[in-house]
Amino acid sequence: MKVPETYRKKYNRGYVTIDLDAVYSNIESLKANVKKETKFIAVIKTDGYGHGAVPIAKVISEQVEAYGVATLDEAVNLRMHNINKPIFIIGYTHNSQFKRLIENDCRCTIFTEESAKELSDVAVELNKTANIHLKIDTGMSRIGFKDNEKSIEIISRISKMPGINIEGIFTHFYASDESDKEPAKVQYRRFTRFINSLENIGINIPVKHCSNSAAIMDLDEFNMGYVRAGIAMYGLMPSESIINKSIALKPALEWKSHVIFVKEIEAGTGVSYGATFVADKQMKIATVPIGYGDGYSRALSNKGYVLIRGKKAPILGRVCMDQFMVDVTEISEVCIDDEVTLIGKDGEYEITAQELGAMVNSFNYEVVCDISKRIPRIYFKDDEVVCTKDCFEDRYAVELSR
């Protein structure tokens, strides 16, 4: 994908490119690993893991059955953009939001009897039906009903509440991305036993799901009627322990910037705050106008590198809020406006989100989610720019004055 010069100039500080065709292709690869009848919930929470929930939802609409988000605000934003497929809120929804939830025809996660009763009351008042998914805690210890007899009794009462339709039931694997699959197998057995107990008392829930990206790739025997595709949809591996090499994934995101200054420094010269790097010889350094204010981790100080002219340029000193410096001594003819690759390919080298995560004792999920709104997104389809997202072109809803 070649970014048109108009965008390179407009977004000279830096920009992210998103290859929508890569996202589409990644889902096709994942679908090839499950049964033909398996339906997909595309997880696009946190603005599509930093990639952009709305354009991704639109480009994959024919491939998936529903979307998964973390909050009602994320769900309503999709509705505002005319996305009409089922939207499932995987996380917590406060009772003050139940009216808005129902009016926007969104599914929420229920894991207490009290919240189910409050939702029922609102649904009855609106003369509507609220579709819910029950969360079962089989080992994550986050949210969810325990998989015990008491929960069976509670769910039985919920099933009789007016205005409530138990559309789905799900659990979440806490270690399906590890090489040891036994914890996931134990969770699956607990989950299916619990479902069987519900069915034994006449509660048959149509939508069942437990598989995340790691399970889709590595534990296809656990893929129920529905699966939740998250990180893998964006071309990123759930972890280094995933062994299924038959699924070809392509990272959809690249992050670029440009050189804004080049200079020579003498031996003994400190670089950046605290002079944590001091040159031991004459060096040539370049300044890159990106920093931790853009989501580029300060932990990459004196540790990370970027790509310039197809070569590695190590970071010197501390990453500042808006800038950092790199060593270009061994890279010939570096000049102002040269492209800088923070994530992505340049020549024979590639910097991945997974590699950056490992450098800062984190992981690829956090790396892409942390890229701030200050960095504009440029979306490609069929190698053409189809849309952009620039937070500075958005306006606040009200004017403030003293």
Foldseek 3Di string as FASTA:
>chain_A
DDDDPVVCVVQQLKFKEFELVQLQQLLVLLCVLADVLAAEAEECELCQLLAHVQVNCVSCVVRHQHYEYAEVVVVVVNVVVVRQGEYEHPYDDDLVCLLVCVVSQYEYEDADLVSLQSSLVSLVVVVAAHEYEFEEELDPPDGGHDLDPVVLVSVVVSCPRHRYDDQYYEYEQPDLLALDCVSVVSSLVSVVVSQVVNVVVPDHHNYYEYAECSCSQAVNVSRDNYYYYGPSSQQDRPDPNRDRPSRHHDHRMWMKHWWADKDKDAAQDFFDPPSPDGHNGIFMKTKRFAAVLQVQDQLQEQPAWKAFQQDTWRWHGTGDNTMTMTTCRVPPPRDTGTMITPAAGDHPDGHHLQNSQVSNVGGSSSSSSRRDLCHKYFYDYPNDTDDIRHPVVDDDPDDDDD
